[in-house]
Amino acid sequence: MKKFFLPAVALFATTPAIAHADEPATQRFEHKGSSYSYTVTQVGDVRVISGIEERTGKPFTLRVGANRVRGTVGSQQVSFALRDVEPLTKPATTIASR
């Protein structure tokens, strides 16, 4: 399960948080034939990535800390080291922004 989300986390572990937005911009990426839409918010020192896998509607929430990523994918808990994350080959696209 973590293989689906490792690329997504890599993208946001290194990019700055969305600045001063009332609502975070919904972004989208594709990985291994699946499309994901998500938002990123900053909560203290933790970046929270929340979204869904578009085909199945399975929700996910990932909390990216300084060294570790924890969260849920559907009803399954996930946890892995940030160093295990691989970057996406293509950048994510923004679906809507305010």
Protein backbone atom coordinates (compact mmCIF):
# COMPACT_ATOMS: atom_id res chain seq x y z
CA MET A 1 0.00 0.00 0.00
CA LYS A 2 2.79 2.43 0.80
CA LYS A 3 4.16 2.16 -2.74
CA PHE A 4 1.16 4.12 -4.01
CA PHE A 5 1.81 7.06 -1.72
CA LEU A 6 5.58 7.24 -1.47
CA PRO A 7 5.86 9.37 -4.62
CA ALA A 8 3.17 11.76 -3.40
CA VAL A 9 4.86 12.27 -0.09
CA ALA A 10 8.19 12.96 -1.75
CA LEU A 11 6.70 15.79 -3.69
CA PHE A 12 5.42 17.54 -0.58
CA ALA A 13 8.18 16.74 1.83
CA THR A 14 10.45 19.08 -0.09
CA THR A 15 8.07 21.79 -1.31
CA PRO A 16 6.98 24.78 0.79
CA ALA A 17 3.53 24.81 2.34
CA ILE A 18 0.71 26.70 0.67
CA ALA A 19 0.86 30.25 1.98
CA HIS A 20 -2.11 32.14 3.43
CA ALA A 21 -4.92 30.38 1.56
CA ASP A 22 -8.40 30.18 3.06
CA GLU A 23 -8.84 26.84 1.33
CA PRO A 24 -5.86 24.81 0.18
CA ALA A 25 -5.62 24.30 -3.57
CA THR A 26 -6.71 20.87 -4.75
CA GLN A 27 -3.94 19.19 -6.70
CA ARG A 28 -3.78 16.00 -8.72
CA PHE A 29 -1.24 13.41 -9.80
CA GLU A 30 -1.21 10.05 -11.55
CA HIS A 31 0.88 7.07 -10.47
CA LYS A 32 0.84 3.55 -11.94
CA GLY A 33 -2.48 4.10 -13.68
CA SER A 34 -4.30 5.59 -10.68
CA SER A 35 -5.27 9.25 -10.30
CA TYR A 36 -5.21 11.00 -6.94
CA SER A 37 -6.54 14.40 -5.90
CA TYR A 38 -5.45 15.95 -2.62
CA THR A 39 -4.86 19.07 -0.57
CA VAL A 40 -1.89 19.97 1.61
CA THR A 41 -2.16 21.92 4.84
CA GLN A 42 0.40 22.83 7.48
CA VAL A 43 -0.52 22.00 11.09
CA GLY A 44 2.29 23.13 13.36
CA ASP A 45 5.45 21.31 12.27
CA VAL A 46 3.51 18.64 10.37
CA ARG A 47 2.35 18.76 6.75
CA VAL A 48 -1.02 17.00 6.28
CA ILE A 49 -1.86 15.54 2.87
CA SER A 50 -5.55 14.60 2.52
CA GLY A 51 -7.24 13.27 -0.57
CA ILE A 52 -8.85 10.44 -2.48
CA GLU A 53 -7.95 7.90 -5.13
CA GLU A 54 -10.32 9.10 -7.85
CA ARG A 55 -11.38 5.77 -9.38
CA THR A 56 -12.29 4.00 -6.13
CA GLY A 57 -13.00 6.99 -3.90
CA LYS A 58 -10.68 5.55 -1.23
CA PRO A 59 -9.64 8.40 1.09
CA PHE A 60 -6.14 8.91 2.45
CA THR A 61 -4.59 11.17 5.05
CA LEU A 62 -0.82 11.36 5.52
CA ARG A 63 0.99 13.36 8.21
CA VAL A 64 4.52 14.21 7.09
CA GLY A 65 6.83 14.91 10.01
CA ALA A 66 10.55 15.64 10.08
CA ASN A 67 11.59 11.98 9.70
CA ARG A 68 8.45 9.88 9.39
CA VAL A 69 5.15 9.68 7.50
CA ARG A 70 2.07 8.31 9.27
CA GLY A 71 -1.55 8.12 8.29
CA THR A 72 -4.38 6.09 6.85
CA VAL A 73 -5.27 4.81 3.40
CA GLY A 74 -8.89 3.77 3.41
CA SER A 75 -9.11 1.97 6.75
CA GLN A 76 -5.49 0.74 6.72
CA GLN A 77 -2.83 2.47 8.82
CA VAL A 78 0.50 3.28 7.15
CA SER A 79 3.83 4.39 8.58
CA PHE A 80 7.21 4.70 6.88
CA ALA A 81 10.46 6.63 7.05
CA LEU A 82 10.69 9.81 5.00
CA ARG A 83 14.04 8.61 3.61
CA ASP A 84 12.17 5.74 1.86
CA VAL A 85 10.19 8.18 -0.30
CA GLU A 86 10.94 8.39 -4.04
CA PRO A 87 10.21 11.58 -6.03
CA LEU A 88 7.53 11.70 -8.72
CA THR A 89 8.78 11.69 -12.29
CA LYS A 90 6.23 14.37 -13.31
CA PRO A 91 5.10 17.36 -11.23
CA ALA A 92 1.61 17.45 -9.74
CA THR A 93 -1.02 19.65 -11.35
CA THR A 94 -3.31 22.12 -9.61
CA ILE A 95 -7.01 21.48 -10.24
CA ALA A 96 -8.41 24.61 -8.56
CA SER A 97 -6.91 27.51 -6.71
CA ARG A 98 -8.31 30.56 -4.99
